[in-house]
Amino acid sequence: MPAARESLLDAAYTALARRPWPGVRMVDVAAVAGVSRQTLYNEFGSKDGLARALLRRETDGYLHGVERALAEEREPAERLAAVAAWTVGAARGNALVRAALTGCWGERLPAPSRSKGSTSPVPAQRRADAGVPTSAELLALVRDRAVLALGGRGRSARDPELALACESAVRLALSYVVAPAGSDDDPAELVRGAIGRWVSAK
């Protein structure tokens, strides 16, 4: 039931915006989604399963945005600047993405966890039960995607300087997430200035 699953995740996300995760009730999530509580349990197994699926969806959404930014037909520095802008925007607009990127999970949010040997009959839930990447793993995923995307323009994907430039772009963006700057400060501009020549060099 992909449609019911998405509706339930949307309802859980909306509920989390209004109250801390411990106060989110399964019966309310089901009611807002317009499905039975049994359907909710069939999809996620438990409230912890719902939390894992919600975290997985939001993390995957962030990574899809990174891939879109990297797929643009622009110079390497511009694509890394787009990744930086997306990272800051996604973190500002989504507390779960911000927590996943920084590793700072507050009491309002569901804690990331992994299910021990998921037996869910729902393939998407088995994937969610594997847990979400740690902040260090997430940074490495973004760096590696950037290296692969940019390695085709005269740079080897194994080039350590390219890997360092890609990681630096993400870390610069994360600095804006952790310590927000003024409204005039632009993380994309910082990335262009700091590593533009670096990634453009052959």
N, C-alpha and C. Protein backbone atom coordinates (compact mmCIF):
# COMPACT_ATOMS: atom_id res chain seq x y z
N MET A 1 0.82 -1.19 0.00
CA MET A 1 0.00 0.00 0.00
C MET A 1 0.86 1.25 0.00
N PRO A 2 1.56 1.53 -1.11
CA PRO A 2 2.45 2.70 -1.13
C PRO A 2 1.74 4.00 -0.81
N ALA A 3 0.51 4.19 -1.32
CA ALA A 3 -0.21 5.45 -1.07
C ALA A 3 -0.53 5.61 0.41
N ALA A 4 -0.99 4.52 1.04
CA ALA A 4 -1.30 4.58 2.47
C ALA A 4 -0.03 4.83 3.27
N ARG A 5 1.05 4.21 2.87
CA ARG A 5 2.32 4.38 3.59
C ARG A 5 2.77 5.83 3.54
N GLU A 6 2.72 6.44 2.35
CA GLU A 6 3.12 7.85 2.23
C GLU A 6 2.19 8.76 3.02
N SER A 7 0.90 8.46 2.99
CA SER A 7 -0.05 9.27 3.77
C SER A 7 0.26 9.18 5.25
N LEU A 8 0.60 8.01 5.72
CA LEU A 8 0.93 7.83 7.13
C LEU A 8 2.22 8.56 7.50
N LEU A 9 3.21 8.50 6.62
CA LEU A 9 4.46 9.21 6.87
C LEU A 9 4.23 10.72 6.86
N ASP A 10 3.40 11.19 5.94
CA ASP A 10 3.06 12.62 5.92
C ASP A 10 2.36 13.02 7.21
N ALA A 11 1.44 12.18 7.67
CA ALA A 11 0.72 12.49 8.91
C ALA A 11 1.67 12.49 10.11
N ALA A 12 2.61 11.56 10.13
CA ALA A 12 3.58 11.51 11.24
C ALA A 12 4.48 12.75 11.21
N TYR A 13 4.89 13.16 10.02
CA TYR A 13 5.74 14.35 9.89
C TYR A 13 5.00 15.60 10.38
N THR A 14 3.73 15.72 10.00
CA THR A 14 2.92 16.86 10.44
C THR A 14 2.72 16.84 11.94
N ALA A 15 2.47 15.66 12.49
CA ALA A 15 2.28 15.55 13.95
C ALA A 15 3.56 15.95 14.68
N LEU A 16 4.71 15.56 14.14
CA LEU A 16 5.99 15.88 14.77
C LEU A 16 6.25 17.38 14.76
N ALA A 17 5.75 18.08 13.76
CA ALA A 17 5.92 19.53 13.71
C ALA A 17 5.12 20.22 14.80
N ARG A 18 4.11 19.55 15.32
CA ARG A 18 3.22 20.16 16.33
C ARG A 18 3.54 19.76 17.75
N ARG A 19 4.15 18.60 17.92
CA ARG A 19 4.41 18.13 19.29
C ARG A 19 5.65 17.24 19.29
N PRO A 20 6.28 17.05 20.45
CA PRO A 20 7.45 16.16 20.51
C PRO A 20 7.06 14.73 20.13
N TRP A 21 8.03 13.99 19.62
CA TRP A 21 7.75 12.62 19.19
C TRP A 21 7.11 11.76 20.28
N PRO A 22 7.55 11.84 21.54
CA PRO A 22 6.88 11.01 22.56
C PRO A 22 5.39 11.31 22.68
N GLY A 23 4.95 12.50 22.28
CA GLY A 23 3.54 12.85 22.37
C GLY A 23 2.74 12.51 21.13
N VAL A 24 3.41 12.03 20.08
CA VAL A 24 2.70 11.64 18.85
C VAL A 24 2.06 10.27 19.08
N ARG A 25 0.75 10.20 18.85
CA ARG A 25 0.02 8.94 19.09
C ARG A 25 -0.29 8.26 17.76
N MET A 26 -0.12 6.95 17.75
CA MET A 26 -0.36 6.17 16.54
C MET A 26 -1.80 6.31 16.07
N VAL A 27 -2.74 6.32 16.99
CA VAL A 27 -4.14 6.43 16.62
C VAL A 27 -4.41 7.75 15.91
N ASP A 28 -3.73 8.82 16.32
CA ASP A 28 -3.92 10.12 15.68
C ASP A 28 -3.29 10.14 14.29
N VAL A 29 -2.13 9.52 14.15
CA VAL A 29 -1.48 9.45 12.85
C VAL A 29 -2.38 8.70 11.87
N ALA A 30 -2.93 7.57 12.29
CA ALA A 30 -3.82 6.80 11.42
C ALA A 30 -5.05 7.60 11.04
N ALA A 31 -5.63 8.31 12.00
CA ALA A 31 -6.84 9.09 11.74
C ALA A 31 -6.57 10.20 10.72
N VAL A 32 -5.47 10.92 10.89
CA VAL A 32 -5.14 12.00 9.95
C VAL A 32 -4.88 11.44 8.55
N ALA A 33 -4.27 10.27 8.46
CA ALA A 33 -4.00 9.64 7.17
C ALA A 33 -5.24 9.02 6.55
N GLY A 34 -6.29 8.87 7.34
CA GLY A 34 -7.53 8.30 6.83
C GLY A 34 -7.49 6.80 6.65
N VAL A 35 -6.69 6.13 7.48
CA VAL A 35 -6.62 4.67 7.42
C VAL A 35 -6.81 4.12 8.83
N SER A 36 -6.99 2.82 8.93
CA SER A 36 -7.17 2.21 10.23
C SER A 36 -5.84 2.10 10.97
N ARG A 37 -5.94 1.99 12.27
CA ARG A 37 -4.73 1.80 13.06
C ARG A 37 -4.06 0.48 12.68
N GLN A 38 -4.86 -0.53 12.32
CA GLN A 38 -4.30 -1.81 11.91
C GLN A 38 -3.44 -1.67 10.65
N THR A 39 -3.89 -0.83 9.72
CA THR A 39 -3.10 -0.58 8.51
C THR A 39 -1.76 0.04 8.88
N LEU A 40 -1.78 0.97 9.82
CA LEU A 40 -0.54 1.59 10.28
C LEU A 40 0.42 0.54 10.83
N TYR A 41 -0.09 -0.35 11.68
CA TYR A 41 0.76 -1.39 12.26
C TYR A 41 1.20 -2.40 11.21
N ASN A 42 0.36 -2.67 10.22
CA ASN A 42 0.75 -3.58 9.14
C ASN A 42 1.93 -3.02 8.35
N GLU A 43 1.94 -1.70 8.17
CA GLU A 43 3.00 -1.06 7.39
C GLU A 43 4.30 -0.90 8.16
N PHE A 44 4.19 -0.54 9.45
CA PHE A 44 5.39 -0.14 10.20
C PHE A 44 5.71 -1.05 11.39
N GLY A 45 4.77 -1.83 11.82
CA GLY A 45 5.01 -2.76 12.92
C GLY A 45 4.87 -2.16 14.30
N SER A 46 5.35 -0.93 14.49
CA SER A 46 5.33 -0.29 15.80
C SER A 46 5.62 1.19 15.62
N LYS A 47 5.55 1.93 16.70
CA LYS A 47 5.89 3.35 16.63
C LYS A 47 7.37 3.53 16.30
N ASP A 48 8.22 2.67 16.83
CA ASP A 48 9.64 2.73 16.48
C ASP A 48 9.84 2.47 14.99
N GLY A 49 9.08 1.54 14.44
CA GLY A 49 9.16 1.27 13.01
C GLY A 49 8.72 2.47 12.19
N LEU A 50 7.66 3.15 12.65
CA LEU A 50 7.21 4.37 11.99
C LEU A 50 8.31 5.43 12.04
N ALA A 51 8.96 5.57 13.19
CA ALA A 51 10.05 6.54 13.32
C ALA A 51 11.18 6.22 12.36
N ARG A 52 11.57 4.96 12.28
CA ARG A 52 12.65 4.57 11.37
C ARG A 52 12.29 4.88 9.92
N ALA A 53 11.04 4.61 9.55
CA ALA A 53 10.60 4.87 8.17
C ALA A 53 10.57 6.37 7.89
N LEU A 54 10.14 7.16 8.85
CA LEU A 54 10.10 8.60 8.67
C LEU A 54 11.52 9.16 8.51
N LEU A 55 12.42 8.72 9.35
CA LEU A 55 13.80 9.18 9.26
C LEU A 55 14.43 8.77 7.94
N ARG A 56 14.16 7.54 7.51
CA ARG A 56 14.71 7.05 6.24
C ARG A 56 14.18 7.88 5.08
N ARG A 57 12.88 8.17 5.09
CA ARG A 57 12.30 8.95 4.00
C ARG A 57 12.93 10.34 3.91
N GLU A 58 13.07 11.00 5.05
CA GLU A 58 13.60 12.36 5.04
C GLU A 58 15.08 12.37 4.64
N THR A 59 15.83 11.39 5.10
CA THR A 59 17.25 11.30 4.73
C THR A 59 17.39 11.00 3.24
N ASP A 60 16.58 10.07 2.74
CA ASP A 60 16.63 9.75 1.31
C ASP A 60 16.24 10.97 0.48
N GLY A 61 15.25 11.74 0.94
CA GLY A 61 14.84 12.94 0.24
C GLY A 61 15.99 13.94 0.13
N TYR A 62 16.74 14.08 1.22
CA TYR A 62 17.90 14.97 1.19
C TYR A 62 18.92 14.48 0.16
N LEU A 63 19.22 13.18 0.17
CA LEU A 63 20.21 12.63 -0.77
C LEU A 63 19.74 12.76 -2.22
N HIS A 64 18.45 12.63 -2.47
CA HIS A 64 17.93 12.83 -3.83
C HIS A 64 18.16 14.27 -4.27
N GLY A 65 17.99 15.22 -3.35
CA GLY A 65 18.26 16.61 -3.67
C GLY A 65 19.72 16.85 -4.00
N VAL A 66 20.61 16.18 -3.28
CA VAL A 66 22.04 16.27 -3.58
C VAL A 66 22.30 15.76 -5.00
N GLU A 67 21.70 14.64 -5.35
CA GLU A 67 21.90 14.07 -6.68
C GLU A 67 21.37 14.99 -7.78
N ARG A 68 20.23 15.65 -7.51
CA ARG A 68 19.70 16.60 -8.49
C ARG A 68 20.67 17.76 -8.71
N ALA A 69 21.23 18.28 -7.61
CA ALA A 69 22.18 19.40 -7.72
C ALA A 69 23.42 18.97 -8.50
N LEU A 70 23.88 17.76 -8.27
CA LEU A 70 25.08 17.28 -8.96
C LEU A 70 24.83 16.94 -10.42
N ALA A 71 23.59 16.67 -10.78
CA ALA A 71 23.26 16.29 -12.16
C ALA A 71 23.11 17.48 -13.09
N GLU A 72 23.09 18.69 -12.54
CA GLU A 72 22.93 19.87 -13.37
C GLU A 72 24.12 20.04 -14.31
N GLU A 73 23.84 20.52 -15.51
CA GLU A 73 24.91 20.72 -16.51
C GLU A 73 25.58 22.06 -16.24
N ARG A 74 26.46 22.07 -15.26
CA ARG A 74 27.19 23.29 -14.91
C ARG A 74 28.63 22.92 -14.56
N GLU A 75 29.43 23.92 -14.35
CA GLU A 75 30.81 23.70 -13.95
C GLU A 75 30.85 23.00 -12.59
N PRO A 76 31.92 22.26 -12.30
CA PRO A 76 32.01 21.54 -11.03
C PRO A 76 31.80 22.42 -9.80
N ALA A 77 32.42 23.60 -9.78
CA ALA A 77 32.26 24.48 -8.62
C ALA A 77 30.82 24.90 -8.45
N GLU A 78 30.11 25.11 -9.55
CA GLU A 78 28.70 25.52 -9.47
C GLU A 78 27.84 24.37 -8.94
N ARG A 79 28.18 23.16 -9.32
CA ARG A 79 27.41 22.01 -8.82
C ARG A 79 27.65 21.80 -7.33
N LEU A 80 28.89 21.99 -6.89
CA LEU A 80 29.16 21.88 -5.45
C LEU A 80 28.50 23.03 -4.70
N ALA A 81 28.46 24.20 -5.30
CA ALA A 81 27.77 25.33 -4.67
C ALA A 81 26.27 25.02 -4.54
N ALA A 82 25.71 24.36 -5.55
CA ALA A 82 24.30 23.98 -5.50
C ALA A 82 24.05 22.94 -4.40
N VAL A 83 25.00 22.02 -4.21
CA VAL A 83 24.88 21.04 -3.12
C VAL A 83 24.92 21.76 -1.78
N ALA A 84 25.81 22.74 -1.65
CA ALA A 84 25.89 23.49 -0.40
C ALA A 84 24.59 24.23 -0.12
N ALA A 85 24.06 24.90 -1.14
CA ALA A 85 22.80 25.65 -0.95
C ALA A 85 21.67 24.70 -0.58
N TRP A 86 21.59 23.55 -1.26
CA TRP A 86 20.56 22.57 -0.95
C TRP A 86 20.70 22.06 0.47
N THR A 87 21.92 21.76 0.89
CA THR A 87 22.16 21.23 2.23
C THR A 87 21.69 22.21 3.29
N VAL A 88 22.05 23.48 3.14
CA VAL A 88 21.64 24.48 4.13
C VAL A 88 20.13 24.66 4.11
N GLY A 89 19.53 24.76 2.94
CA GLY A 89 18.09 24.92 2.84
C GLY A 89 17.32 23.74 3.40
N ALA A 90 17.78 22.53 3.08
CA ALA A 90 17.10 21.33 3.57
C ALA A 90 17.18 21.23 5.08
N ALA A 91 18.33 21.57 5.64
CA ALA A 91 18.50 21.50 7.10
C ALA A 91 17.69 22.56 7.81
N ARG A 92 17.59 23.74 7.23
CA ARG A 92 16.79 24.80 7.85
C ARG A 92 15.30 24.48 7.82
N GLY A 93 14.88 23.79 6.77
CA GLY A 93 13.46 23.53 6.62
C GLY A 93 12.97 22.22 7.20
N ASN A 94 13.89 21.37 7.67
CA ASN A 94 13.49 20.05 8.11
C ASN A 94 14.34 19.63 9.31
N ALA A 95 13.72 19.58 10.48
CA ALA A 95 14.46 19.25 11.71
C ALA A 95 15.07 17.86 11.65
N LEU A 96 14.45 16.93 10.94
CA LEU A 96 15.00 15.57 10.85
C LEU A 96 16.26 15.54 9.98
N VAL A 97 16.26 16.29 8.90
CA VAL A 97 17.45 16.37 8.05
C VAL A 97 18.57 17.06 8.83
N ARG A 98 18.23 18.14 9.53
CA ARG A 98 19.25 18.84 10.33
C ARG A 98 19.88 17.91 11.36
N ALA A 99 19.05 17.14 12.04
CA ALA A 99 19.57 16.20 13.05
C ALA A 99 20.42 15.12 12.40
N ALA A 100 20.00 14.62 11.25
CA ALA A 100 20.77 13.58 10.57
C ALA A 100 22.13 14.11 10.12
N LEU A 101 22.17 15.35 9.67
CA LEU A 101 23.42 15.94 9.20
C LEU A 101 24.38 16.28 10.34
N THR A 102 23.83 16.72 11.45
CA THR A 102 24.67 17.18 12.55
C THR A 102 24.88 16.15 13.64
N GLY A 103 24.00 15.14 13.70
CA GLY A 103 24.07 14.15 14.78
C GLY A 103 23.50 14.67 16.08
N CYS A 104 22.83 15.81 16.05
CA CYS A 104 22.24 16.41 17.25
C CYS A 104 20.75 16.09 17.29
N TRP A 105 20.41 15.07 18.05
CA TRP A 105 19.02 14.64 18.15
C TRP A 105 18.46 15.14 19.48
N GLY A 106 17.47 16.00 19.42
CA GLY A 106 16.85 16.53 20.63
C GLY A 106 15.76 15.62 21.14
N GLU A 107 15.22 15.99 22.29
CA GLU A 107 14.15 15.19 22.90
C GLU A 107 12.86 15.24 22.10
N ARG A 108 12.69 16.25 21.26
CA ARG A 108 11.47 16.37 20.46
C ARG A 108 11.44 15.36 19.31
N LEU A 109 12.60 14.87 18.92
CA LEU A 109 12.68 14.05 17.72
C LEU A 109 12.78 12.56 18.05
N PRO A 110 12.35 11.72 17.12
CA PRO A 110 12.58 10.29 17.31
C PRO A 110 14.07 10.01 17.19
N ALA A 111 14.58 9.15 18.04
CA ALA A 111 16.01 8.81 17.99
C ALA A 111 16.26 7.80 16.88
N PRO A 112 17.36 7.96 16.15
CA PRO A 112 17.66 6.97 15.11
C PRO A 112 17.99 5.63 15.74
N SER A 113 17.48 4.59 15.15
CA SER A 113 17.74 3.25 15.67
C SER A 113 17.72 2.26 14.51
N ARG A 114 18.18 1.07 14.80
CA ARG A 114 18.15 -0.01 13.82
C ARG A 114 17.39 -1.17 14.44
N SER A 115 16.59 -1.81 13.63
CA SER A 115 15.85 -2.97 14.10
C SER A 115 16.76 -4.18 14.03
N LYS A 116 16.68 -5.02 15.03
CA LYS A 116 17.50 -6.23 15.03
C LYS A 116 16.81 -7.29 14.20
N GLY A 117 17.32 -7.50 13.00
CA GLY A 117 16.77 -8.55 12.14
C GLY A 117 15.33 -8.32 11.76
N SER A 118 15.07 -7.29 10.96
CA SER A 118 13.70 -6.97 10.55
C SER A 118 13.06 -8.15 9.83
N THR A 119 11.84 -8.44 10.21
CA THR A 119 11.08 -9.50 9.56
C THR A 119 9.83 -8.94 8.90
N SER A 120 9.80 -7.64 8.68
CA SER A 120 8.64 -7.00 8.10
C SER A 120 8.36 -7.57 6.71
N PRO A 121 7.08 -7.84 6.41
CA PRO A 121 6.73 -8.30 5.06
C PRO A 121 6.76 -7.16 4.04
N VAL A 122 6.92 -5.91 4.51
CA VAL A 122 6.93 -4.74 3.63
C VAL A 122 8.38 -4.41 3.27
N PRO A 123 8.77 -4.53 1.98
CA PRO A 123 10.17 -4.28 1.61
C PRO A 123 10.68 -2.90 2.04
N ALA A 124 9.84 -1.88 1.87
CA ALA A 124 10.28 -0.53 2.26
C ALA A 124 10.55 -0.46 3.76
N GLN A 125 9.81 -1.23 4.54
CA GLN A 125 10.04 -1.20 5.98
C GLN A 125 11.30 -1.96 6.36
N ARG A 126 11.59 -3.03 5.65
CA ARG A 126 12.85 -3.74 5.92
C ARG A 126 14.03 -2.82 5.68
N ARG A 127 13.95 -2.00 4.62
CA ARG A 127 15.02 -1.04 4.35
C ARG A 127 15.08 0.01 5.45
N ALA A 128 13.94 0.52 5.85
CA ALA A 128 13.90 1.53 6.91
C ALA A 128 14.42 0.96 8.23
N ASP A 129 14.12 -0.30 8.49
CA ASP A 129 14.55 -0.92 9.74
C ASP A 129 16.06 -1.06 9.84
N ALA A 130 16.75 -0.97 8.70
CA ALA A 130 18.21 -1.01 8.72
C ALA A 130 18.78 0.26 9.33
N GLY A 131 17.96 1.28 9.48
CA GLY A 131 18.39 2.53 10.11
C GLY A 131 18.88 3.54 9.09
N VAL A 132 19.13 4.74 9.58
CA VAL A 132 19.64 5.80 8.72
C VAL A 132 21.14 5.97 8.95
N PRO A 133 21.82 6.55 7.97
CA PRO A 133 23.26 6.76 8.16
C PRO A 133 23.54 7.71 9.34
N THR A 134 24.66 7.51 9.99
CA THR A 134 25.11 8.48 10.99
C THR A 134 25.50 9.76 10.25
N SER A 135 25.73 10.83 11.00
CA SER A 135 26.13 12.08 10.34
C SER A 135 27.43 11.91 9.56
N ALA A 136 28.38 11.16 10.11
CA ALA A 136 29.63 10.92 9.40
C ALA A 136 29.40 10.09 8.13
N GLU A 137 28.54 9.10 8.21
CA GLU A 137 28.22 8.28 7.04
C GLU A 137 27.50 9.10 5.98
N LEU A 138 26.62 10.00 6.43
CA LEU A 138 25.86 10.84 5.50
C LEU A 138 26.80 11.78 4.76
N LEU A 139 27.73 12.38 5.49
CA LEU A 139 28.71 13.26 4.85
C LEU A 139 29.52 12.47 3.82
N ALA A 140 29.93 11.26 4.17
CA ALA A 140 30.70 10.44 3.24
C ALA A 140 29.88 10.08 2.00
N LEU A 141 28.59 9.82 2.17
CA LEU A 141 27.73 9.52 1.03
C LEU A 141 27.65 10.70 0.08
N VAL A 142 27.50 11.90 0.64
CA VAL A 142 27.42 13.10 -0.20
C VAL A 142 28.76 13.33 -0.90
N ARG A 143 29.84 13.22 -0.16
CA ARG A 143 31.17 13.39 -0.75
C ARG A 143 31.38 12.41 -1.90
N ASP A 144 31.07 11.14 -1.67
CA ASP A 144 31.30 10.12 -2.69
C ASP A 144 30.43 10.33 -3.92
N ARG A 145 29.19 10.76 -3.73
CA ARG A 145 28.33 11.07 -4.87
C ARG A 145 28.91 12.24 -5.66
N ALA A 146 29.41 13.24 -4.96
CA ALA A 146 29.99 14.39 -5.63
C ALA A 146 31.24 14.00 -6.41
N VAL A 147 32.08 13.18 -5.82
CA VAL A 147 33.31 12.73 -6.49
C VAL A 147 32.95 11.98 -7.77
N LEU A 148 31.97 11.10 -7.70
CA LEU A 148 31.57 10.34 -8.89
C LEU A 148 30.98 11.26 -9.96
N ALA A 149 30.19 12.23 -9.53
CA ALA A 149 29.55 13.13 -10.49
C ALA A 149 30.56 14.04 -11.17
N LEU A 150 31.57 14.47 -10.43
CA LEU A 150 32.54 15.44 -10.97
C LEU A 150 33.77 14.78 -11.56
N GLY A 151 33.98 13.50 -11.30
CA GLY A 151 35.18 12.82 -11.75
C GLY A 151 35.28 12.67 -13.25
N GLY A 152 34.17 12.84 -13.96
CA GLY A 152 34.17 12.64 -15.40
C GLY A 152 34.68 13.80 -16.22
N ARG A 153 34.99 14.92 -15.59
CA ARG A 153 35.44 16.10 -16.34
C ARG A 153 36.94 16.29 -16.23
N GLY A 154 37.68 15.31 -16.69
CA GLY A 154 39.12 15.43 -16.70
C GLY A 154 39.78 15.11 -15.37
N ARG A 155 38.99 14.76 -14.36
CA ARG A 155 39.55 14.41 -13.06
C ARG A 155 39.20 12.97 -12.76
N SER A 156 40.13 12.25 -12.23
CA SER A 156 39.86 10.87 -11.85
C SER A 156 39.00 10.85 -10.60
N ALA A 157 38.05 9.92 -10.55
CA ALA A 157 37.22 9.77 -9.36
C ALA A 157 38.05 9.35 -8.15
N ARG A 158 39.29 8.92 -8.41
CA ARG A 158 40.17 8.52 -7.30
C ARG A 158 41.12 9.65 -6.89
N ASP A 159 40.98 10.79 -7.50
CA ASP A 159 41.83 11.94 -7.21
C ASP A 159 41.58 12.41 -5.77
N PRO A 160 42.59 12.33 -4.89
CA PRO A 160 42.37 12.72 -3.49
C PRO A 160 42.05 14.20 -3.34
N GLU A 161 42.56 15.04 -4.23
CA GLU A 161 42.25 16.47 -4.15
C GLU A 161 40.78 16.72 -4.47
N LEU A 162 40.26 15.98 -5.44
CA LEU A 162 38.84 16.13 -5.77
C LEU A 162 37.98 15.68 -4.60
N ALA A 163 38.34 14.56 -3.98
CA ALA A 163 37.59 14.08 -2.82
C ALA A 163 37.63 15.09 -1.69
N LEU A 164 38.79 15.70 -1.47
CA LEU A 164 38.91 16.71 -0.41
C LEU A 164 38.08 17.95 -0.73
N ALA A 165 38.07 18.36 -1.99
CA ALA A 165 37.26 19.52 -2.39
C ALA A 165 35.78 19.23 -2.18
N CYS A 166 35.34 18.03 -2.55
CA CYS A 166 33.93 17.67 -2.38
C CYS A 166 33.54 17.62 -0.91
N GLU A 167 34.40 17.04 -0.10
CA GLU A 167 34.11 16.98 1.33
C GLU A 167 34.12 18.38 1.95
N SER A 168 35.04 19.21 1.51
CA SER A 168 35.13 20.57 2.03
C SER A 168 33.86 21.35 1.73
N ALA A 169 33.30 21.15 0.53
CA ALA A 169 32.06 21.86 0.18
C ALA A 169 30.94 21.49 1.14
N VAL A 170 30.83 20.20 1.46
CA VAL A 170 29.78 19.77 2.37
C VAL A 170 30.04 20.30 3.78
N ARG A 171 31.29 20.26 4.21
CA ARG A 171 31.61 20.74 5.55
C ARG A 171 31.39 22.26 5.67
N LEU A 172 31.67 22.99 4.62
CA LEU A 172 31.37 24.43 4.64
C LEU A 172 29.86 24.66 4.77
N ALA A 173 29.08 23.88 4.05
CA ALA A 173 27.62 24.00 4.17
C ALA A 173 27.17 23.66 5.58
N LEU A 174 27.74 22.61 6.16
CA LEU A 174 27.35 22.22 7.51
C LEU A 174 27.69 23.29 8.54
N SER A 175 28.73 24.08 8.26
CA SER A 175 29.05 25.16 9.19
C SER A 175 27.92 26.17 9.25
N TYR A 176 27.21 26.37 8.14
CA TYR A 176 26.05 27.27 8.13
C TYR A 176 24.86 26.65 8.86
N VAL A 177 24.79 25.32 8.85
CA VAL A 177 23.71 24.64 9.56
C VAL A 177 23.92 24.75 11.06
N VAL A 178 25.15 24.52 11.51
CA VAL A 178 25.47 24.52 12.93
C VAL A 178 25.53 25.94 13.50
N ALA A 179 26.10 26.85 12.72
CA ALA A 179 26.24 28.24 13.18
C ALA A 179 25.69 29.15 12.10
N PRO A 180 24.36 29.33 12.07
CA PRO A 180 23.73 30.13 11.01
C PRO A 180 24.34 31.53 10.93
N ALA A 181 24.52 31.97 9.69
CA ALA A 181 25.10 33.29 9.45
C ALA A 181 23.98 34.29 9.20
N GLY A 182 24.37 35.52 8.89
CA GLY A 182 23.39 36.56 8.59
C GLY A 182 22.64 36.27 7.30
N SER A 183 21.58 37.00 7.09
CA SER A 183 20.73 36.75 5.92
C SER A 183 21.45 37.05 4.60
N ASP A 184 22.48 37.89 4.65
CA ASP A 184 23.21 38.22 3.43
C ASP A 184 24.29 37.20 3.08
N ASP A 185 24.65 36.36 4.03
CA ASP A 185 25.70 35.37 3.78
C ASP A 185 25.16 34.23 2.93
N ASP A 186 25.94 33.81 1.96
CA ASP A 186 25.51 32.80 1.00
C ASP A 186 26.49 31.63 1.03
N PRO A 187 26.05 30.45 1.48
CA PRO A 187 26.96 29.30 1.51
C PRO A 187 27.47 28.91 0.13
N ALA A 188 26.63 29.08 -0.89
CA ALA A 188 27.06 28.74 -2.25
C ALA A 188 28.21 29.64 -2.67
N GLU A 189 28.13 30.91 -2.33
CA GLU A 189 29.21 31.85 -2.69
C GLU A 189 30.50 31.48 -1.97
N LEU A 190 30.38 31.07 -0.71
CA LEU A 190 31.56 30.66 0.04
C LEU A 190 32.23 29.45 -0.61
N VAL A 191 31.42 28.48 -1.04
CA VAL A 191 31.97 27.29 -1.71
C VAL A 191 32.65 27.69 -3.01
N ARG A 192 32.00 28.55 -3.80
CA ARG A 192 32.62 29.00 -5.05
C ARG A 192 33.99 29.64 -4.79
N GLY A 193 34.03 30.52 -3.81
CA GLY A 193 35.26 31.24 -3.52
C GLY A 193 36.34 30.36 -2.93
N ALA A 194 35.93 29.42 -2.08
CA ALA A 194 36.92 28.61 -1.37
C ALA A 194 37.49 27.49 -2.22
N ILE A 195 36.66 26.87 -3.04
CA ILE A 195 37.16 25.69 -3.77
C ILE A 195 36.91 25.73 -5.26
N GLY A 196 36.43 26.88 -5.78
CA GLY A 196 36.11 26.96 -7.20
C GLY A 196 37.28 26.63 -8.09
N ARG A 197 38.42 27.24 -7.84
CA ARG A 197 39.60 26.97 -8.69
C ARG A 197 40.13 25.56 -8.48
N TRP A 198 39.98 25.10 -7.26
CA TRP A 198 40.47 23.78 -6.90
C TRP A 198 39.83 22.70 -7.76
N VAL A 199 38.48 22.73 -7.84
CA VAL A 199 37.79 21.66 -8.59
C VAL A 199 37.79 21.92 -10.09
N SER A 200 38.07 23.15 -10.52
CA SER A 200 38.10 23.43 -11.94
C SER A 200 39.43 23.06 -12.57
N ALA A 201 40.47 22.95 -11.74
CA ALA A 201 41.80 22.63 -12.26
C ALA A 201 41.82 21.24 -12.84
N LYS A 202 42.57 21.04 -13.89
CA LYS A 202 42.69 19.71 -14.49
C LYS A 202 43.78 18.94 -13.81
